[in-house]
All heavy atoms as atom14 arrays in JSON, in Angstrom:
{
  "sequence": "SPALEWVLLNSHDYDVLHYVDSFCSMALAAAFHG",
  "atom14_mask": [
    [1, 1, 1, 1, 1, 1, 0, 0, 0, 0, 0, 0, 0, 0],
    [1, 1, 1, 1, 1, 1, 1, 0, 0, 0, 0, 0, 0, 0],
    [1, 1, 1, 1, 1, 0, 0, 0, 0, 0, 0, 0, 0, 0],
    [1, 1, 1, 1, 1, 1, 1, 1, 0, 0, 0, 0, 0, 0],
    [1, 1, 1, 1, 1, 1, 1, 1, 1, 0, 0, 0, 0, 0],
    [1, 1, 1, 1, 1, 1, 1, 1, 1, 1, 1, 1, 1, 1],
    [1, 1, 1, 1, 1, 1, 1, 0, 0, 0, 0, 0, 0, 0],
    [1, 1, 1, 1, 1, 1, 1, 1, 0, 0, 0, 0, 0, 0],
    [1, 1, 1, 1, 1, 1, 1, 1, 0, 0, 0, 0, 0, 0],
    [1, 1, 1, 1, 1, 1, 1, 1, 0, 0, 0, 0, 0, 0],
    [1, 1, 1, 1, 1, 1, 0, 0, 0, 0, 0, 0, 0, 0],
    [1, 1, 1, 1, 1, 1, 1, 1, 1, 1, 0, 0, 0, 0],
    [1, 1, 1, 1, 1, 1, 1, 1, 0, 0, 0, 0, 0, 0],
    [1, 1, 1, 1, 1, 1, 1, 1, 1, 1, 1, 1, 0, 0],
    [1, 1, 1, 1, 1, 1, 1, 1, 0, 0, 0, 0, 0, 0],
    [1, 1, 1, 1, 1, 1, 1, 0, 0, 0, 0, 0, 0, 0],
    [1, 1, 1, 1, 1, 1, 1, 1, 0, 0, 0, 0, 0, 0],
    [1, 1, 1, 1, 1, 1, 1, 1, 1, 1, 0, 0, 0, 0],
    [1, 1, 1, 1, 1, 1, 1, 1, 1, 1, 1, 1, 0, 0],
    [1, 1, 1, 1, 1, 1, 1, 0, 0, 0, 0, 0, 0, 0],
    [1, 1, 1, 1, 1, 1, 1, 1, 0, 0, 0, 0, 0, 0],
    [1, 1, 1, 1, 1, 1, 0, 0, 0, 0, 0, 0, 0, 0],
    [1, 1, 1, 1, 1, 1, 1, 1, 1, 1, 1, 0, 0, 0],
    [1, 1, 1, 1, 1, 1, 0, 0, 0, 0, 0, 0, 0, 0],
    [1, 1, 1, 1, 1, 1, 0, 0, 0, 0, 0, 0, 0, 0],
    [1, 1, 1, 1, 1, 1, 1, 1, 0, 0, 0, 0, 0, 0],
    [1, 1, 1, 1, 1, 0, 0, 0, 0, 0, 0, 0, 0, 0],
    [1, 1, 1, 1, 1, 1, 1, 1, 0, 0, 0, 0, 0, 0],
    [1, 1, 1, 1, 1, 0, 0, 0, 0, 0, 0, 0, 0, 0],
    [1, 1, 1, 1, 1, 0, 0, 0, 0, 0, 0, 0, 0, 0],
    [1, 1, 1, 1, 1, 0, 0, 0, 0, 0, 0, 0, 0, 0],
    [1, 1, 1, 1, 1, 1, 1, 1, 1, 1, 1, 0, 0, 0],
    [1, 1, 1, 1, 1, 1, 1, 1, 1, 1, 0, 0, 0, 0],
    [1, 1, 1, 1, 0, 0, 0, 0, 0, 0, 0, 0, 0, 0]
  ],
  "atom14_positions": [
    [[137.65, 129.5, 184.5], [137.86, 128.48, 183.46], [139.04, 128.88, 182.56], [138.91, 128.88, 181.33], [136.59, 128.27, 182.61], [135.51, 127.91, 183.41], [0.0, 0.0, 0.0], [0.0, 0.0, 0.0], [0.0, 0.0, 0.0], [0.0, 0.0, 0.0], [0.0, 0.0, 0.0], [0.0, 0.0, 0.0], [0.0, 0.0, 0.0], [0.0, 0.0, 0.0]],
    [[140.18, 129.23, 183.14], [141.27, 129.81, 182.35], [142.05, 128.79, 181.53], [142.13, 127.61, 181.88], [142.16, 130.45, 183.4], [142.0, 129.54, 184.58], [140.54, 129.14, 184.57], [0.0, 0.0, 0.0], [0.0, 0.0, 0.0], [0.0, 0.0, 0.0], [0.0, 0.0, 0.0], [0.0, 0.0, 0.0], [0.0, 0.0, 0.0], [0.0, 0.0, 0.0]],
    [[142.62, 129.29, 180.45], [143.63, 128.56, 179.67], [144.96, 129.26, 179.94], [145.33, 130.21, 179.23], [143.28, 128.59, 178.19], [0.0, 0.0, 0.0], [0.0, 0.0, 0.0], [0.0, 0.0, 0.0], [0.0, 0.0, 0.0], [0.0, 0.0, 0.0], [0.0, 0.0, 0.0], [0.0, 0.0, 0.0], [0.0, 0.0, 0.0], [0.0, 0.0, 0.0]],
    [[145.66, 128.85, 180.99], [146.87, 129.55, 181.4], [148.08, 129.23, 180.54], [148.95, 130.06, 180.36], [147.17, 129.23, 182.87], [146.17, 129.76, 183.91], [146.56, 129.28, 185.3], [146.09, 131.28, 183.87], [0.0, 0.0, 0.0], [0.0, 0.0, 0.0], [0.0, 0.0, 0.0], [0.0, 0.0, 0.0], [0.0, 0.0, 0.0], [0.0, 0.0, 0.0]],
    [[148.13, 128.02, 180.01], [149.27, 127.6, 179.18], [148.71, 126.99, 177.9], [148.04, 125.93, 177.95], [150.16, 126.6, 179.92], [150.77, 127.12, 181.2], [151.8, 128.21, 180.93], [152.56, 128.09, 179.94], [151.87, 129.16, 181.74], [0.0, 0.0, 0.0], [0.0, 0.0, 0.0], [0.0, 0.0, 0.0], [0.0, 0.0, 0.0], [0.0, 0.0, 0.0]],
    [[148.96, 127.62, 176.78], [148.38, 127.15, 175.53], [148.82, 125.74, 175.14], [148.07, 125.01, 174.52], [148.76, 128.11, 174.38], [148.01, 129.39, 174.44], [147.19, 129.84, 175.44], [147.99, 130.4, 173.42], [146.68, 131.06, 175.12], [147.14, 131.43, 173.89], [148.58, 130.52, 172.18], [146.9, 132.58, 173.15], [148.35, 131.66, 171.44], [147.51, 132.66, 171.93]],
    [[150.06, 125.39, 175.46], [150.57, 124.11, 175.01], [149.73, 122.95, 175.56], [149.65, 121.9, 174.96], [152.05, 123.95, 175.45], [152.17, 123.84, 176.98], [152.71, 122.75, 174.78], [0.0, 0.0, 0.0], [0.0, 0.0, 0.0], [0.0, 0.0, 0.0], [0.0, 0.0, 0.0], [0.0, 0.0, 0.0], [0.0, 0.0, 0.0], [0.0, 0.0, 0.0]],
    [[149.06, 123.18, 176.67], [148.25, 122.15, 177.28], [146.91, 121.95, 176.56], [146.19, 121.0, 176.85], [147.97, 122.49, 178.76], [149.22, 122.6, 179.62], [148.84, 123.02, 181.03], [149.99, 121.3, 179.66], [0.0, 0.0, 0.0], [0.0, 0.0, 0.0], [0.0, 0.0, 0.0], [0.0, 0.0, 0.0], [0.0, 0.0, 0.0], [0.0, 0.0, 0.0]],
    [[146.57, 122.85, 175.65], [145.31, 122.73, 174.93], [145.48, 121.92, 173.64], [144.48, 121.56, 173.01], [144.77, 124.13, 174.57], [144.55, 125.08, 175.73], [144.01, 126.4, 175.23], [143.59, 124.47, 176.75], [0.0, 0.0, 0.0], [0.0, 0.0, 0.0], [0.0, 0.0, 0.0], [0.0, 0.0, 0.0], [0.0, 0.0, 0.0], [0.0, 0.0, 0.0]],
    [[146.68, 121.65, 173.24], [146.94, 121.0, 171.94], [147.47, 119.58, 172.16], [148.62, 119.41, 172.55], [147.95, 121.81, 171.14], [147.45, 123.23, 170.89], [146.35, 123.44, 170.42], [148.28, 124.23, 171.21], [0.0, 0.0, 0.0], [0.0, 0.0, 0.0], [0.0, 0.0, 0.0], [0.0, 0.0, 0.0], [0.0, 0.0, 0.0], [0.0, 0.0, 0.0]],
    [[146.62, 118.61, 171.9], [147.01, 117.23, 172.13], [147.78, 116.68, 170.94], [147.5, 116.98, 169.78], [145.77, 116.37, 172.37], [144.9, 116.42, 171.25], [0.0, 0.0, 0.0], [0.0, 0.0, 0.0], [0.0, 0.0, 0.0], [0.0, 0.0, 0.0], [0.0, 0.0, 0.0], [0.0, 0.0, 0.0], [0.0, 0.0, 0.0], [0.0, 0.0, 0.0]],
    [[148.81, 115.9, 171.26], [149.51, 115.14, 170.23], [150.17, 113.94, 170.89], [150.15, 113.78, 172.12], [150.54, 116.02, 169.49], [151.53, 116.68, 170.36], [152.66, 116.05, 170.84], [151.59, 117.95, 170.87], [153.38, 116.86, 171.57], [152.74, 118.04, 171.63], [0.0, 0.0, 0.0], [0.0, 0.0, 0.0], [0.0, 0.0, 0.0], [0.0, 0.0, 0.0]],
    [[150.76, 113.08, 170.1], [151.26, 111.8, 170.6], [152.48, 111.92, 171.48], [152.84, 110.97, 172.19], [151.6, 110.87, 169.44], [150.36, 110.31, 168.76], [149.28, 110.41, 169.36], [150.48, 109.79, 167.65], [0.0, 0.0, 0.0], [0.0, 0.0, 0.0], [0.0, 0.0, 0.0], [0.0, 0.0, 0.0], [0.0, 0.0, 0.0], [0.0, 0.0, 0.0]],
    [[153.16, 113.07, 171.49], [154.47, 113.15, 172.11], [154.51, 113.97, 173.39], [155.58, 114.26, 173.9], [155.49, 113.72, 171.08], [155.36, 112.99, 169.77], [154.78, 113.6, 168.64], [155.75, 111.65, 169.63], [154.62, 112.92, 167.45], [155.6, 110.97, 168.44], [155.03, 111.6, 167.36], [154.86, 110.91, 166.18], [0.0, 0.0, 0.0], [0.0, 0.0, 0.0]],
    [[153.33, 114.35, 173.88], [153.27, 115.06, 175.14], [152.08, 114.49, 175.92], [150.97, 114.43, 175.4], [153.09, 116.56, 174.89], [153.19, 117.37, 176.18], [153.45, 116.76, 177.23], [153.01, 118.6, 176.12], [0.0, 0.0, 0.0], [0.0, 0.0, 0.0], [0.0, 0.0, 0.0], [0.0, 0.0, 0.0], [0.0, 0.0, 0.0], [0.0, 0.0, 0.0]],
    [[152.32, 114.09, 177.15], [151.27, 113.38, 177.9], [150.43, 114.29, 178.78], [149.36, 113.87, 179.24], [151.9, 112.28, 178.78], [152.75, 111.34, 177.93], [152.74, 112.86, 179.9], [0.0, 0.0, 0.0], [0.0, 0.0, 0.0], [0.0, 0.0, 0.0], [0.0, 0.0, 0.0], [0.0, 0.0, 0.0], [0.0, 0.0, 0.0], [0.0, 0.0, 0.0]],
    [[150.85, 115.52, 179.04], [150.17, 116.36, 180.03], [148.73, 116.63, 179.68], [147.85, 116.62, 180.55], [150.95, 117.65, 180.24], [152.32, 117.51, 180.92], [153.04, 118.84, 180.97], [152.2, 116.9, 182.28], [0.0, 0.0, 0.0], [0.0, 0.0, 0.0], [0.0, 0.0, 0.0], [0.0, 0.0, 0.0], [0.0, 0.0, 0.0], [0.0, 0.0, 0.0]],
    [[148.46, 116.91, 178.42], [147.09, 117.19, 178.0], [146.17, 116.0, 178.33], [145.05, 116.2, 178.81], [147.01, 117.49, 176.51], [145.62, 117.56, 175.99], [144.85, 118.7, 176.07], [144.84, 116.63, 175.36], [143.66, 118.46, 175.55], [143.62, 117.22, 175.11], [0.0, 0.0, 0.0], [0.0, 0.0, 0.0], [0.0, 0.0, 0.0], [0.0, 0.0, 0.0]],
    [[146.64, 114.79, 178.08], [145.81, 113.62, 178.31], [145.59, 113.35, 179.8], [144.5, 112.91, 180.2], [146.45, 112.4, 177.64], [146.59, 112.56, 176.15], [147.81, 112.85, 175.56], [145.48, 112.43, 175.33], [147.93, 113.01, 174.18], [145.58, 112.59, 173.95], [146.81, 112.89, 173.39], [146.91, 113.06, 172.05], [0.0, 0.0, 0.0], [0.0, 0.0, 0.0]],
    [[146.58, 113.67, 180.62], [146.43, 113.52, 182.07], [145.39, 114.5, 182.59], [144.5, 114.14, 183.38], [147.78, 113.74, 182.77], [147.6, 113.8, 184.28], [148.75, 112.61, 182.41], [0.0, 0.0, 0.0], [0.0, 0.0, 0.0], [0.0, 0.0, 0.0], [0.0, 0.0, 0.0], [0.0, 0.0, 0.0], [0.0, 0.0, 0.0], [0.0, 0.0, 0.0]],
    [[145.49, 115.77, 182.13], [144.55, 116.8, 182.59], [143.11, 116.52, 182.15], [142.18, 116.6, 182.96], [144.99, 118.16, 182.07], [146.32, 118.63, 182.67], [146.73, 118.07, 183.69], [146.94, 119.54, 182.08], [0.0, 0.0, 0.0], [0.0, 0.0, 0.0], [0.0, 0.0, 0.0], [0.0, 0.0, 0.0], [0.0, 0.0, 0.0], [0.0, 0.0, 0.0]],
    [[142.95, 116.2, 180.88], [141.59, 116.02, 180.35], [140.97, 114.72, 180.84], [139.74, 114.61, 180.93], [141.6, 116.06, 178.81], [142.4, 115.04, 178.28], [0.0, 0.0, 0.0], [0.0, 0.0, 0.0], [0.0, 0.0, 0.0], [0.0, 0.0, 0.0], [0.0, 0.0, 0.0], [0.0, 0.0, 0.0], [0.0, 0.0, 0.0], [0.0, 0.0, 0.0]],
    [[141.8, 113.72, 181.17], [141.27, 112.47, 181.68], [140.37, 112.67, 182.89], [139.32, 112.03, 183.03], [142.44, 111.5, 182.04], [141.99, 110.25, 182.73], [141.56, 109.16, 181.99], [141.98, 110.17, 184.12], [141.13, 107.99, 182.65], [141.56, 109.02, 184.77], [141.14, 107.92, 184.02], [0.0, 0.0, 0.0], [0.0, 0.0, 0.0], [0.0, 0.0, 0.0]],
    [[140.8, 113.58, 183.8], [140.05, 113.78, 185.03], [138.63, 114.25, 184.76], [137.65, 113.74, 185.35], [140.78, 114.75, 185.94], [142.41, 114.16, 186.47], [0.0, 0.0, 0.0], [0.0, 0.0, 0.0], [0.0, 0.0, 0.0], [0.0, 0.0, 0.0], [0.0, 0.0, 0.0], [0.0, 0.0, 0.0], [0.0, 0.0, 0.0], [0.0, 0.0, 0.0]],
    [[138.48, 115.22, 183.86], [137.15, 115.74, 183.53], [136.32, 114.68, 182.78], [135.1, 114.57, 183.01], [137.25, 117.02, 182.71], [137.76, 118.07, 183.5], [0.0, 0.0, 0.0], [0.0, 0.0, 0.0], [0.0, 0.0, 0.0], [0.0, 0.0, 0.0], [0.0, 0.0, 0.0], [0.0, 0.0, 0.0], [0.0, 0.0, 0.0], [0.0, 0.0, 0.0]],
    [[136.95, 113.94, 181.9], [136.24, 112.89, 181.17], [135.75, 111.79, 182.1], [134.65, 111.29, 181.97], [137.12, 112.33, 180.06], [137.37, 113.3, 178.93], [138.15, 112.57, 177.45], [139.76, 112.12, 178.09], [0.0, 0.0, 0.0], [0.0, 0.0, 0.0], [0.0, 0.0, 0.0], [0.0, 0.0, 0.0], [0.0, 0.0, 0.0], [0.0, 0.0, 0.0]],
    [[136.59, 111.4, 183.07], [136.19, 110.36, 184.01], [135.03, 110.82, 184.87], [134.1, 110.04, 185.17], [137.4, 109.98, 184.88], [0.0, 0.0, 0.0], [0.0, 0.0, 0.0], [0.0, 0.0, 0.0], [0.0, 0.0, 0.0], [0.0, 0.0, 0.0], [0.0, 0.0, 0.0], [0.0, 0.0, 0.0], [0.0, 0.0, 0.0], [0.0, 0.0, 0.0]],
    [[135.03, 112.08, 185.29], [133.9, 112.61, 186.05], [132.62, 112.63, 185.2], [131.54, 112.35, 185.67], [134.22, 114.03, 186.53], [135.26, 114.16, 187.63], [135.57, 115.62, 187.91], [134.77, 113.48, 188.93], [0.0, 0.0, 0.0], [0.0, 0.0, 0.0], [0.0, 0.0, 0.0], [0.0, 0.0, 0.0], [0.0, 0.0, 0.0], [0.0, 0.0, 0.0]],
    [[132.77, 112.97, 183.9], [131.62, 112.99, 183.0], [131.06, 111.58, 182.8], [129.83, 111.4, 182.76], [132.01, 113.59, 181.65], [0.0, 0.0, 0.0], [0.0, 0.0, 0.0], [0.0, 0.0, 0.0], [0.0, 0.0, 0.0], [0.0, 0.0, 0.0], [0.0, 0.0, 0.0], [0.0, 0.0, 0.0], [0.0, 0.0, 0.0], [0.0, 0.0, 0.0]],
    [[131.94, 110.6, 182.66], [131.48, 109.21, 182.51], [130.68, 108.78, 183.74], [129.64, 108.12, 183.63], [132.66, 108.29, 182.28], [0.0, 0.0, 0.0], [0.0, 0.0, 0.0], [0.0, 0.0, 0.0], [0.0, 0.0, 0.0], [0.0, 0.0, 0.0], [0.0, 0.0, 0.0], [0.0, 0.0, 0.0], [0.0, 0.0, 0.0], [0.0, 0.0, 0.0]],
    [[131.17, 109.17, 184.92], [130.43, 108.82, 186.15], [129.11, 109.54, 186.2], [128.08, 108.97, 186.61], [131.29, 109.19, 187.36], [0.0, 0.0, 0.0], [0.0, 0.0, 0.0], [0.0, 0.0, 0.0], [0.0, 0.0, 0.0], [0.0, 0.0, 0.0], [0.0, 0.0, 0.0], [0.0, 0.0, 0.0], [0.0, 0.0, 0.0], [0.0, 0.0, 0.0]],
    [[129.06, 110.8, 185.77], [127.81, 111.56, 185.77], [126.75, 110.9, 184.91], [125.59, 110.82, 185.3], [128.07, 112.99, 185.27], [126.84, 113.83, 185.18], [126.44, 114.59, 186.27], [126.06, 113.88, 184.03], [125.29, 115.37, 186.21], [124.91, 114.66, 183.95], [124.52, 115.4, 185.05], [0.0, 0.0, 0.0], [0.0, 0.0, 0.0], [0.0, 0.0, 0.0]],
    [[127.15, 110.4, 183.75], [126.19, 109.75, 182.84], [125.97, 108.27, 183.13], [125.27, 107.6, 182.36], [126.67, 109.93, 181.39], [126.57, 111.34, 180.88], [125.37, 111.94, 180.57], [127.52, 112.28, 180.63], [125.58, 113.17, 180.14], [126.88, 113.4, 180.19], [0.0, 0.0, 0.0], [0.0, 0.0, 0.0], [0.0, 0.0, 0.0], [0.0, 0.0, 0.0]],
    [[126.53, 107.78, 184.22], [126.35, 106.39, 184.6], [127.08, 105.4, 183.71], [126.7, 104.22, 183.65], [0.0, 0.0, 0.0], [0.0, 0.0, 0.0], [0.0, 0.0, 0.0], [0.0, 0.0, 0.0], [0.0, 0.0, 0.0], [0.0, 0.0, 0.0], [0.0, 0.0, 0.0], [0.0, 0.0, 0.0], [0.0, 0.0, 0.0], [0.0, 0.0, 0.0]]
  ]
}
């Protein structure tokens, strides 16, 4: 469960990578909870 690049842990309006990465886990969680 590594945090290899810190910049990816800090969300803000001007960088999209964090939202792309976290979207995948959130979508799986939404499916898990029906």
